């Protein structure tokens, strides 16, 4: 499997958890990710995991959706 961890601190709103961020990503951007707090004992709230074992077309579509993430998450 292919995974990447991404730091989302620049996209988090004050007080927002990584779980809430992931919910917004799925709802508003159409890209799913897993909160980092699912993987660490420490209180790591600014990391998400993305999965890349997908068809090229799916990955390109995800990139297109992520292109204006700031606007979508506004």
C-alpha atoms as a PDB file:
ATOM      1  CA  UNK A   1       0.000   0.000   0.000  1.00  0.00           C
ATOM      2  CA  UNK A   2       1.079   3.579  -0.587  1.00  0.00           C
ATOM      3  CA  UNK A   3       0.462   6.157   2.098  1.00  0.00           C
ATOM      4  CA  UNK A   4       1.687   9.655   2.829  1.00  0.00           C
ATOM      5  CA  UNK A   5       1.382  11.760   5.950  1.00  0.00           C
ATOM      6  CA  UNK A   6       0.573  15.414   5.357  1.00  0.00           C
ATOM      7  CA  UNK A   7       0.864  18.307   7.771  1.00  0.00           C
ATOM      8  CA  UNK A   8      -2.443  20.202   7.744  1.00  0.00           C
ATOM      9  CA  UNK A   9      -1.611  22.879  10.323  1.00  0.00           C
ATOM     10  CA  UNK A  10      -1.951  25.690   7.760  1.00  0.00           C
ATOM     11  CA  UNK A  11      -5.484  24.553   6.911  1.00  0.00           C
ATOM     12  CA  UNK A  12      -6.830  23.960  10.432  1.00  0.00           C
ATOM     13  CA  UNK A  13      -9.193  26.538  11.853  1.00  0.00           C
ATOM     14  CA  UNK A  14      -8.642  27.557  15.501  1.00  0.00           C
ATOM     15  CA  UNK A  15      -9.860  24.758  17.760  1.00  0.00           C
ATOM     16  CA  UNK A  16     -10.554  22.389  14.848  1.00  0.00           C
ATOM     17  CA  UNK A  17      -9.544  18.761  15.334  1.00  0.00           C
ATOM     18  CA  UNK A  18      -7.989  16.553  12.696  1.00  0.00           C
ATOM     19  CA  UNK A  19     -11.165  14.446  12.758  1.00  0.00           C
ATOM     20  CA  UNK A  20     -13.286  17.503  11.939  1.00  0.00           C
ATOM     21  CA  UNK A  21     -10.833  18.448   9.210  1.00  0.00           C
ATOM     22  CA  UNK A  22     -11.121  14.977   7.635  1.00  0.00           C
ATOM     23  CA  UNK A  23     -14.912  15.189   7.739  1.00  0.00           C
ATOM     24  CA  UNK A  24     -14.793  18.558   5.965  1.00  0.00           C
ATOM     25  CA  UNK A  25     -12.338  17.205   3.385  1.00  0.00           C
ATOM     26  CA  UNK A  26     -14.722  14.398   2.473  1.00  0.00           C
ATOM     27  CA  UNK A  27     -17.783  16.643   2.460  1.00  0.00           C
ATOM     28  CA  UNK A  28     -16.465  19.807   0.803  1.00  0.00           C
ATOM     29  CA  UNK A  29     -13.438  18.681  -1.219  1.00  0.00           C
ATOM     30  CA  UNK A  30     -14.411  15.097  -2.079  1.00  0.00           C
ATOM     31  CA  UNK A  31     -11.076  13.644  -0.951  1.00  0.00           C
ATOM     32  CA  UNK A  32     -10.888  11.289   2.019  1.00  0.00           C
ATOM     33  CA  UNK A  33      -8.072  11.218   4.546  1.00  0.00           C
ATOM     34  CA  UNK A  34      -7.527   9.625   7.961  1.00  0.00           C
ATOM     35  CA  UNK A  35      -6.796  11.710  11.057  1.00  0.00           C
ATOM     36  CA  UNK A  36      -3.299  11.383  12.458  1.00  0.00           C
ATOM     37  CA  UNK A  37      -4.684  10.912  15.956  1.00  0.00           C
ATOM     38  CA  UNK A  38      -5.718   7.436  14.784  1.00  0.00           C
ATOM     39  CA  UNK A  39      -2.038   6.421  14.594  1.00  0.00           C
ATOM     40  CA  UNK A  40      -0.200   8.214  17.414  1.00  0.00           C
ATOM     41  CA  UNK A  41      -0.363   8.059  21.209  1.00  0.00           C
ATOM     42  CA  UNK A  42       0.823  11.658  21.381  1.00  0.00           C
ATOM     43  CA  UNK A  43      -1.682  14.426  20.805  1.00  0.00           C
ATOM     44  CA  UNK A  44      -0.849  14.852  17.110  1.00  0.00           C
ATOM     45  CA  UNK A  45      -3.674  16.940  15.712  1.00  0.00           C
ATOM     46  CA  UNK A  46      -2.059  18.411  12.602  1.00  0.00           C
ATOM     47  CA  UNK A  47      -1.336  15.331  10.465  1.00  0.00           C
ATOM     48  CA  UNK A  48      -3.536  13.283   8.142  1.00  0.00           C
ATOM     49  CA  UNK A  49      -2.818  10.139   6.159  1.00  0.00           C
ATOM     50  CA  UNK A  50      -3.599   9.859   2.457  1.00  0.00           C
ATOM     51  CA  UNK A  51      -3.772   6.587   0.491  1.00  0.00           C
ATOM     52  CA  UNK A  52      -2.302   6.388  -3.017  1.00  0.00           C
ATOM     53  CA  UNK A  53      -2.981   2.822  -4.198  1.00  0.00           C
ATOM     54  CA  UNK A  54      -5.541   4.007  -6.744  1.00  0.00           C
ATOM     55  CA  UNK A  55      -5.896   4.181 -10.502  1.00  0.00           C
ATOM     56  CA  UNK A  56      -4.106   7.096 -12.145  1.00  0.00           C
ATOM     57  CA  UNK A  57      -7.431   8.666 -13.142  1.00  0.00           C
ATOM     58  CA  UNK A  58      -8.564   8.654  -9.510  1.00  0.00           C
ATOM     59  CA  UNK A  59      -5.325  10.259  -8.339  1.00  0.00           C
ATOM     60  CA  UNK A  60      -5.513  12.971 -11.020  1.00  0.00           C
ATOM     61  CA  UNK A  61      -9.087  13.746 -10.007  1.00  0.00           C
ATOM     62  CA  UNK A  62      -8.022  14.006  -6.365  1.00  0.00           C
ATOM     63  CA  UNK A  63      -5.257  16.426  -7.363  1.00  0.00           C
ATOM     64  CA  UNK A  64      -7.773  18.547  -9.247  1.00  0.00           C
ATOM     65  CA  UNK A  65     -10.066  18.634  -6.212  1.00  0.00           C
ATOM     66  CA  UNK A  66      -7.192  19.566  -3.909  1.00  0.00           C
ATOM     67  CA  UNK A  67      -6.120  22.397  -6.196  1.00  0.00           C
ATOM     68  CA  UNK A  68      -8.420  24.923  -4.562  1.00  0.00           C
ATOM     69  CA  UNK A  69      -8.644  23.396  -1.098  1.00  0.00           C
ATOM     70  CA  UNK A  70      -8.422  26.753   0.707  1.00  0.00           C
ATOM     71  CA  UNK A  71     -11.443  28.054  -1.185  1.00  0.00           C
ATOM     72  CA  UNK A  72     -13.465  24.890  -0.571  1.00  0.00           C
ATOM     73  CA  UNK A  73     -12.667  24.691   3.126  1.00  0.00           C
ATOM     74  CA  UNK A  74     -12.978  28.487   3.493  1.00  0.00           C
END
